[in-house]
Amino acid sequence: MIYFIFEIRLTLRGLAIALSNAWGLFLIIVLLGYGLVTVPKHCFKMTDIEAMNDVSMFRVSQSEEKMMHTKLKLEDIV
């Protein structure tokens, strides 16, 4: 960057514009790269009915355990 400032006569305004463009392009590449992988992976996982059923059953069992624990605490309080 020092080379560009002295040799090409890059002004501070031009340097700021160039750096902001570079930062924006970097963020686009990183965020889109993540999204381009994650979104199809999520959609692919959603099509597996057996796996979704297993996840749902696991969540139901956790909720049932919490409900029973809360019910016992309520009975102790009453």
PDB file of N, CA and C in Angstrom:
ATOM      1  N   MET A   1       0.816  -1.177   0.000  1.00  0.00           N
ATOM      2  CA  MET A   1       0.000   0.000   0.000  1.00  0.00           C
ATOM      3  C   MET A   1       0.870   1.255   0.000  1.00  0.00           C
ATOM      4  N   ILE A   2       1.986   1.161   0.672  1.00  0.00           N
ATOM      5  CA  ILE A   2       2.893   2.320   0.667  1.00  0.00           C
ATOM      6  C   ILE A   2       3.392   2.572  -0.748  1.00  0.00           C
ATOM      7  N   TYR A   3       3.675   1.514  -1.490  1.00  0.00           N
ATOM      8  CA  TYR A   3       4.103   1.649  -2.877  1.00  0.00           C
ATOM      9  C   TYR A   3       3.040   2.379  -3.697  1.00  0.00           C
ATOM     10  N   PHE A   4       1.790   1.976  -3.542  1.00  0.00           N
ATOM     11  CA  PHE A   4       0.715   2.621  -4.289  1.00  0.00           C
ATOM     12  C   PHE A   4       0.577   4.098  -3.929  1.00  0.00           C
ATOM     13  N   ILE A   5       0.762   4.427  -2.662  1.00  0.00           N
ATOM     14  CA  ILE A   5       0.608   5.816  -2.242  1.00  0.00           C
ATOM     15  C   ILE A   5       1.671   6.696  -2.875  1.00  0.00           C
ATOM     16  N   PHE A   6       2.916   6.226  -2.887  1.00  0.00           N
ATOM     17  CA  PHE A   6       4.002   7.071  -3.383  1.00  0.00           C
ATOM     18  C   PHE A   6       4.207   6.980  -4.890  1.00  0.00           C
ATOM     19  N   GLU A   7       4.076   5.828  -5.465  1.00  0.00           N
ATOM     20  CA  GLU A   7       4.382   5.663  -6.888  1.00  0.00           C
ATOM     21  C   GLU A   7       3.212   6.008  -7.802  1.00  0.00           C
ATOM     22  N   ILE A   8       2.022   5.628  -7.444  1.00  0.00           N
ATOM     23  CA  ILE A   8       0.874   5.841  -8.314  1.00  0.00           C
ATOM     24  C   ILE A   8       0.132   7.121  -7.918  1.00  0.00           C
ATOM     25  N   ARG A   9       0.560   7.757  -6.864  1.00  0.00           N
ATOM     26  CA  ARG A   9      -0.066   8.984  -6.376  1.00  0.00           C
ATOM     27  C   ARG A   9      -1.520   8.738  -5.975  1.00  0.00           C
ATOM     28  N   LEU A  10      -1.695   7.660  -5.227  1.00  0.00           N
ATOM     29  CA  LEU A  10      -3.012   7.304  -4.735  1.00  0.00           C
ATOM     30  C   LEU A  10      -3.354   8.220  -3.565  1.00  0.00           C
ATOM     31  N   THR A  11      -4.463   8.884  -3.658  1.00  0.00           N
ATOM     32  CA  THR A  11      -4.869   9.788  -2.584  1.00  0.00           C
ATOM     33  C   THR A  11      -5.482   8.991  -1.438  1.00  0.00           C
ATOM     34  N   LEU A  12      -5.643   9.653  -0.321  1.00  0.00           N
ATOM     35  CA  LEU A  12      -6.225   8.989   0.839  1.00  0.00           C
ATOM     36  C   LEU A  12      -7.668   8.571   0.562  1.00  0.00           C
ATOM     37  N   ARG A  13      -8.371   9.409  -0.189  1.00  0.00           N
ATOM     38  CA  ARG A  13      -9.751   9.080  -0.542  1.00  0.00           C
ATOM     39  C   ARG A  13      -9.800   7.840  -1.446  1.00  0.00           C
ATOM     40  N   GLY A  14      -8.924   7.798  -2.419  1.00  0.00           N
ATOM     41  CA  GLY A  14      -8.865   6.641  -3.312  1.00  0.00           C
ATOM     42  C   GLY A  14      -8.473   5.374  -2.570  1.00  0.00           C
ATOM     43  N   LEU A  15      -7.543   5.506  -1.618  1.00  0.00           N
ATOM     44  CA  LEU A  15      -7.136   4.358  -0.819  1.00  0.00           C
ATOM     45  C   LEU A  15      -8.307   3.856   0.024  1.00  0.00           C
ATOM     46  N   ALA A  16      -9.062   4.773   0.625  1.00  0.00           N
ATOM     47  CA  ALA A  16     -10.208   4.378   1.438  1.00  0.00           C
ATOM     48  C   ALA A  16     -11.264   3.667   0.587  1.00  0.00           C
ATOM     49  N   ILE A  17     -11.492   4.175  -0.615  1.00  0.00           N
ATOM     50  CA  ILE A  17     -12.465   3.538  -1.513  1.00  0.00           C
ATOM     51  C   ILE A  17     -11.998   2.138  -1.897  1.00  0.00           C
ATOM     52  N   ALA A  18     -10.713   2.008  -2.227  1.00  0.00           N
ATOM     53  CA  ALA A  18     -10.176   0.704  -2.617  1.00  0.00           C
ATOM     54  C   ALA A  18     -10.251  -0.291  -1.468  1.00  0.00           C
ATOM     55  N   LEU A  19      -9.905   0.155  -0.259  1.00  0.00           N
ATOM     56  CA  LEU A  19      -9.956  -0.749   0.891  1.00  0.00           C
ATOM     57  C   LEU A  19     -11.386  -1.149   1.234  1.00  0.00           C
ATOM     58  N   SER A  20     -12.320  -0.218   1.119  1.00  0.00           N
ATOM     59  CA  SER A  20     -13.714  -0.570   1.419  1.00  0.00           C
ATOM     60  C   SER A  20     -14.263  -1.543   0.378  1.00  0.00           C
ATOM     61  N   ASN A  21     -13.898  -1.370  -0.868  1.00  0.00           N
ATOM     62  CA  ASN A  21     -14.322  -2.325  -1.902  1.00  0.00           C
ATOM     63  C   ASN A  21     -13.723  -3.701  -1.661  1.00  0.00           C
ATOM     64  N   ALA A  22     -12.434  -3.731  -1.280  1.00  0.00           N
ATOM     65  CA  ALA A  22     -11.788  -5.014  -1.006  1.00  0.00           C
ATOM     66  C   ALA A  22     -12.446  -5.703   0.183  1.00  0.00           C
ATOM     67  N   TRP A  23     -12.769  -4.937   1.226  1.00  0.00           N
ATOM     68  CA  TRP A  23     -13.419  -5.512   2.404  1.00  0.00           C
ATOM     69  C   TRP A  23     -14.809  -6.049   2.044  1.00  0.00           C
ATOM     70  N   GLY A  24     -15.551  -5.298   1.256  1.00  0.00           N
ATOM     71  CA  GLY A  24     -16.875  -5.751   0.835  1.00  0.00           C
ATOM     72  C   GLY A  24     -16.809  -7.028   0.009  1.00  0.00           C
ATOM     73  N   LEU A  25     -15.865  -7.093  -0.908  1.00  0.00           N
ATOM     74  CA  LEU A  25     -15.712  -8.307  -1.715  1.00  0.00           C
ATOM     75  C   LEU A  25     -15.315  -9.499  -0.861  1.00  0.00           C
ATOM     76  N   PHE A  26     -14.434  -9.256   0.118  1.00  0.00           N
ATOM     77  CA  PHE A  26     -14.030 -10.325   1.025  1.00  0.00           C
ATOM     78  C   PHE A  26     -15.230 -10.858   1.804  1.00  0.00           C
ATOM     79  N   LEU A  27     -16.060  -9.958   2.348  1.00  0.00           N
ATOM     80  CA  LEU A  27     -17.237 -10.389   3.098  1.00  0.00           C
ATOM     81  C   LEU A  27     -18.220 -11.152   2.217  1.00  0.00           C
ATOM     82  N   ILE A  28     -18.421 -10.686   1.000  1.00  0.00           N
ATOM     83  CA  ILE A  28     -19.322 -11.383   0.083  1.00  0.00           C
ATOM     84  C   ILE A  28     -18.833 -12.794  -0.192  1.00  0.00           C
ATOM     85  N   ILE A  29     -17.545 -12.925  -0.440  1.00  0.00           N
ATOM     86  CA  ILE A  29     -16.978 -14.251  -0.730  1.00  0.00           C
ATOM     87  C   ILE A  29     -17.136 -15.171   0.466  1.00  0.00           C
ATOM     88  N   VAL A  30     -16.840 -14.684   1.655  1.00  0.00           N
ATOM     89  CA  VAL A  30     -16.917 -15.529   2.852  1.00  0.00           C
ATOM     90  C   VAL A  30     -18.360 -15.905   3.159  1.00  0.00           C
ATOM     91  N   LEU A  31     -19.252 -14.926   3.181  1.00  0.00           N
ATOM     92  CA  LEU A  31     -20.629 -15.205   3.568  1.00  0.00           C
ATOM     93  C   LEU A  31     -21.373 -16.013   2.515  1.00  0.00           C
ATOM     94  N   LEU A  32     -21.165 -15.723   1.255  1.00  0.00           N
ATOM     95  CA  LEU A  32     -21.823 -16.511   0.217  1.00  0.00           C
ATOM     96  C   LEU A  32     -21.250 -17.919   0.146  1.00  0.00           C
ATOM     97  N   GLY A  33     -19.948 -18.046   0.399  1.00  0.00           N
ATOM     98  CA  GLY A  33     -19.340 -19.371   0.412  1.00  0.00           C
ATOM     99  C   GLY A  33     -19.961 -20.245   1.482  1.00  0.00           C
ATOM    100  N   TYR A  34     -20.217 -19.672   2.647  1.00  0.00           N
ATOM    101  CA  TYR A  34     -20.849 -20.414   3.732  1.00  0.00           C
ATOM    102  C   TYR A  34     -22.291 -20.751   3.354  1.00  0.00           C
ATOM    103  N   GLY A  35     -23.008 -19.769   2.815  1.00  0.00           N
ATOM    104  CA  GLY A  35     -24.406 -19.982   2.462  1.00  0.00           C
ATOM    105  C   GLY A  35     -24.580 -20.965   1.317  1.00  0.00           C
ATOM    106  N   LEU A  36     -23.651 -20.961   0.384  1.00  0.00           N
ATOM    107  CA  LEU A  36     -23.756 -21.872  -0.751  1.00  0.00           C
ATOM    108  C   LEU A  36     -23.585 -23.321  -0.335  1.00  0.00           C
ATOM    109  N   VAL A  37     -22.958 -23.552   0.806  1.00  0.00           N
ATOM    110  CA  VAL A  37     -22.796 -24.910   1.299  1.00  0.00           C
ATOM    111  C   VAL A  37     -23.890 -25.268   2.290  1.00  0.00           C
ATOM    112  N   THR A  38     -24.230 -24.344   3.172  1.00  0.00           N
ATOM    113  CA  THR A  38     -25.140 -24.642   4.271  1.00  0.00           C
ATOM    114  C   THR A  38     -26.584 -24.802   3.820  1.00  0.00           C
ATOM    115  N   VAL A  39     -27.050 -23.950   2.944  1.00  0.00           N
ATOM    116  CA  VAL A  39     -28.454 -24.007   2.529  1.00  0.00           C
ATOM    117  C   VAL A  39     -28.784 -25.318   1.819  1.00  0.00           C
ATOM    118  N   PRO A  40     -28.012 -25.756   0.826  1.00  0.00           N
ATOM    119  CA  PRO A  40     -28.340 -27.057   0.214  1.00  0.00           C
ATOM    120  C   PRO A  40     -28.192 -28.233   1.185  1.00  0.00           C
ATOM    121  N   LYS A  41     -27.221 -28.122   2.106  1.00  0.00           N
ATOM    122  CA  LYS A  41     -27.050 -29.190   3.087  1.00  0.00           C
ATOM    123  C   LYS A  41     -28.279 -29.289   3.984  1.00  0.00           C
ATOM    124  N   HIS A  42     -28.793 -28.154   4.405  1.00  0.00           N
ATOM    125  CA  HIS A  42     -29.999 -28.133   5.240  1.00  0.00           C
ATOM    126  C   HIS A  42     -31.198 -28.693   4.467  1.00  0.00           C
ATOM    127  N   CYS A  43     -31.339 -28.289   3.212  1.00  0.00           N
ATOM    128  CA  CYS A  43     -32.454 -28.792   2.396  1.00  0.00           C
ATOM    129  C   CYS A  43     -32.336 -30.298   2.184  1.00  0.00           C
ATOM    130  N   PHE A  44     -31.113 -30.789   1.988  1.00  0.00           N
ATOM    131  CA  PHE A  44     -30.900 -32.216   1.807  1.00  0.00           C
ATOM    132  C   PHE A  44     -31.262 -32.983   3.072  1.00  0.00           C
ATOM    133  N   LYS A  45     -30.892 -32.431   4.240  1.00  0.00           N
ATOM    134  CA  LYS A  45     -31.217 -33.092   5.497  1.00  0.00           C
ATOM    135  C   LYS A  45     -32.719 -33.099   5.747  1.00  0.00           C
ATOM    136  N   MET A  46     -33.418 -32.068   5.301  1.00  0.00           N
ATOM    137  CA  MET A  46     -34.861 -31.992   5.508  1.00  0.00           C
ATOM    138  C   MET A  46     -35.612 -33.037   4.683  1.00  0.00           C
ATOM    139  N   THR A  47     -35.018 -33.559   3.628  1.00  0.00           N
ATOM    140  CA  THR A  47     -35.684 -34.558   2.799  1.00  0.00           C
ATOM    141  C   THR A  47     -35.584 -35.964   3.379  1.00  0.00           C
ATOM    142  N   ASP A  48     -34.677 -36.166   4.343  1.00  0.00           N
ATOM    143  CA  ASP A  48     -34.516 -37.483   4.965  1.00  0.00           C
ATOM    144  C   ASP A  48     -35.564 -37.632   6.073  1.00  0.00           C
ATOM    145  N   ILE A  49     -36.642 -38.306   5.750  1.00  0.00           N
ATOM    146  CA  ILE A  49     -37.780 -38.403   6.662  1.00  0.00           C
ATOM    147  C   ILE A  49     -37.433 -39.206   7.912  1.00  0.00           C
ATOM    148  N   GLU A  50     -36.665 -40.265   7.761  1.00  0.00           N
ATOM    149  CA  GLU A  50     -36.313 -41.085   8.920  1.00  0.00           C
ATOM    150  C   GLU A  50     -35.460 -40.309   9.913  1.00  0.00           C
ATOM    151  N   ALA A  51     -34.503 -39.561   9.416  1.00  0.00           N
ATOM    152  CA  ALA A  51     -33.653 -38.772  10.308  1.00  0.00           C
ATOM    153  C   ALA A  51     -34.463 -37.680  11.002  1.00  0.00           C
ATOM    154  N   MET A  52     -35.363 -37.033  10.271  1.00  0.00           N
ATOM    155  CA  MET A  52     -36.205 -36.008  10.873  1.00  0.00           C
ATOM    156  C   MET A  52     -37.122 -36.615  11.932  1.00  0.00           C
ATOM    157  N   ASN A  53     -37.610 -37.831  11.686  1.00  0.00           N
ATOM    158  CA  ASN A  53     -38.436 -38.529  12.662  1.00  0.00           C
ATOM    159  C   ASN A  53     -37.632 -38.833  13.921  1.00  0.00           C
ATOM    160  N   ASP A  54     -36.385 -39.271  13.768  1.00  0.00           N
ATOM    161  CA  ASP A  54     -35.529 -39.559  14.917  1.00  0.00           C
ATOM    162  C   ASP A  54     -35.272 -38.295  15.737  1.00  0.00           C
ATOM    163  N   VAL A  55     -35.005 -37.202  15.065  1.00  0.00           N
ATOM    164  CA  VAL A  55     -34.760 -35.931  15.761  1.00  0.00           C
ATOM    165  C   VAL A  55     -36.017 -35.493  16.502  1.00  0.00           C
ATOM    166  N   SER A  56     -37.153 -35.615  15.849  1.00  0.00           N
ATOM    167  CA  SER A  56     -38.417 -35.218  16.484  1.00  0.00           C
ATOM    168  C   SER A  56     -38.719 -36.088  17.701  1.00  0.00           C
ATOM    169  N   MET A  57     -38.491 -37.378  17.598  1.00  0.00           N
ATOM    170  CA  MET A  57     -38.736 -38.273  18.726  1.00  0.00           C
ATOM    171  C   MET A  57     -37.802 -37.953  19.888  1.00  0.00           C
ATOM    172  N   PHE A  58     -36.562 -37.600  19.588  1.00  0.00           N
ATOM    173  CA  PHE A  58     -35.619 -37.223  20.632  1.00  0.00           C
ATOM    174  C   PHE A  58     -36.084 -35.954  21.336  1.00  0.00           C
ATOM    175  N   ARG A  59     -36.540 -34.981  20.570  1.00  0.00           N
ATOM    176  CA  ARG A  59     -37.033 -33.734  21.174  1.00  0.00           C
ATOM    177  C   ARG A  59     -38.283 -33.987  22.019  1.00  0.00           C
ATOM    178  N   VAL A  60     -39.148 -34.877  21.549  1.00  0.00           N
ATOM    179  CA  VAL A  60     -40.355 -35.201  22.309  1.00  0.00           C
ATOM    180  C   VAL A  60     -39.972 -35.841  23.635  1.00  0.00           C
ATOM    181  N   SER A  61     -39.018 -36.758  23.617  1.00  0.00           N
ATOM    182  CA  SER A  61     -38.619 -37.419  24.864  1.00  0.00           C
ATOM    183  C   SER A  61     -37.990 -36.428  25.834  1.00  0.00           C
ATOM    184  N   GLN A  62     -37.203 -35.480  25.326  1.00  0.00           N
ATOM    185  CA  GLN A  62     -36.640 -34.455  26.205  1.00  0.00           C
ATOM    186  C   GLN A  62     -37.741 -33.591  26.816  1.00  0.00           C
ATOM    187  N   SER A  63     -38.706 -33.218  26.005  1.00  0.00           N
ATOM    188  CA  SER A  63     -39.806 -32.395  26.505  1.00  0.00           C
ATOM    189  C   SER A  63     -40.623 -33.151  27.540  1.00  0.00           C
ATOM    190  N   GLU A  64     -40.827 -34.437  27.301  1.00  0.00           N
ATOM    191  CA  GLU A  64     -41.588 -35.254  28.247  1.00  0.00           C
ATOM    192  C   GLU A  64     -40.853 -35.366  29.578  1.00  0.00           C
ATOM    193  N   GLU A  65     -39.528 -35.527  29.537  1.00  0.00           N
ATOM    194  CA  GLU A  65     -38.750 -35.585  30.770  1.00  0.00           C
ATOM    195  C   GLU A  65     -38.838 -34.270  31.537  1.00  0.00           C
ATOM    196  N   LYS A  66     -38.750 -33.150  30.836  1.00  0.00           N
ATOM    197  CA  LYS A  66     -38.869 -31.846  31.490  1.00  0.00           C
ATOM    198  C   LYS A  66     -40.254 -31.669  32.098  1.00  0.00           C
ATOM    199  N   MET A  67     -41.277 -32.126  31.384  1.00  0.00           N
ATOM    200  CA  MET A  67     -42.645 -32.007  31.878  1.00  0.00           C
ATOM    201  C   MET A  67     -42.824 -32.828  33.154  1.00  0.00           C
ATOM    202  N   MET A  68     -42.308 -34.044  33.162  1.00  0.00           N
ATOM    203  CA  MET A  68     -42.431 -34.904  34.346  1.00  0.00           C
ATOM    204  C   MET A  68     -41.678 -34.293  35.526  1.00  0.00           C
ATOM    205  N   HIS A  69     -40.504 -33.758  35.282  1.00  0.00           N
ATOM    206  CA  HIS A  69     -39.720 -33.127  36.338  1.00  0.00           C
ATOM    207  C   HIS A  69     -40.464 -31.927  36.911  1.00  0.00           C
ATOM    208  N   THR A  70     -41.040 -31.121  36.042  1.00  0.00           N
ATOM    209  CA  THR A  70     -41.799 -29.953  36.475  1.00  0.00           C
ATOM    210  C   THR A  70     -43.058 -30.380  37.233  1.00  0.00           C
ATOM    211  N   LYS A  71     -43.708 -31.435  36.770  1.00  0.00           N
ATOM    212  CA  LYS A  71     -44.911 -31.940  37.437  1.00  0.00           C
ATOM    213  C   LYS A  71     -44.580 -32.423  38.847  1.00  0.00           C
ATOM    214  N   LEU A  72     -43.461 -33.112  39.013  1.00  0.00           N
ATOM    215  CA  LEU A  72     -43.047 -33.580  40.341  1.00  0.00           C
ATOM    216  C   LEU A  72     -42.720 -32.409  41.258  1.00  0.00           C
ATOM    217  N   LYS A  73     -42.065 -31.394  40.718  1.00  0.00           N
ATOM    218  CA  LYS A  73     -41.760 -30.210  41.530  1.00  0.00           C
ATOM    219  C   LYS A  73     -43.051 -29.509  41.965  1.00  0.00           C
ATOM    220  N   LEU A  74     -44.013 -29.450  41.060  1.00  0.00           N
ATOM    221  CA  LEU A  74     -45.306 -28.836  41.373  1.00  0.00           C
ATOM    222  C   LEU A  74     -46.029 -29.619  42.460  1.00  0.00           C
ATOM    223  N   GLU A  75     -45.995 -30.943  42.390  1.00  0.00           N
ATOM    224  CA  GLU A  75     -46.643 -31.776  43.409  1.00  0.00           C
ATOM    225  C   GLU A  75     -45.964 -31.585  44.764  1.00  0.00           C
ATOM    226  N   ASP A  76     -44.640 -31.445  44.778  1.00  0.00           N
ATOM    227  CA  ASP A  76     -43.925 -31.200  46.030  1.00  0.00           C
ATOM    228  C   ASP A  76     -44.317 -29.850  46.628  1.00  0.00           C
ATOM    229  N   ILE A  77     -44.502 -28.867  45.786  1.00  0.00           N
ATOM    230  CA  ILE A  77     -44.858 -27.542  46.263  1.00  0.00           C
ATOM    231  C   ILE A  77     -46.278 -27.543  46.811  1.00  0.00           C
ATOM    232  N   VAL A  78     -47.176 -28.244  46.107  1.00  0.00           N
ATOM    233  CA  VAL A  78     -48.581 -28.291  46.536  1.00  0.00           C
ATOM    234  C   VAL A  78     -48.669 -29.117  47.806  1.00  0.00           C
TER     235      VAL A  78
END
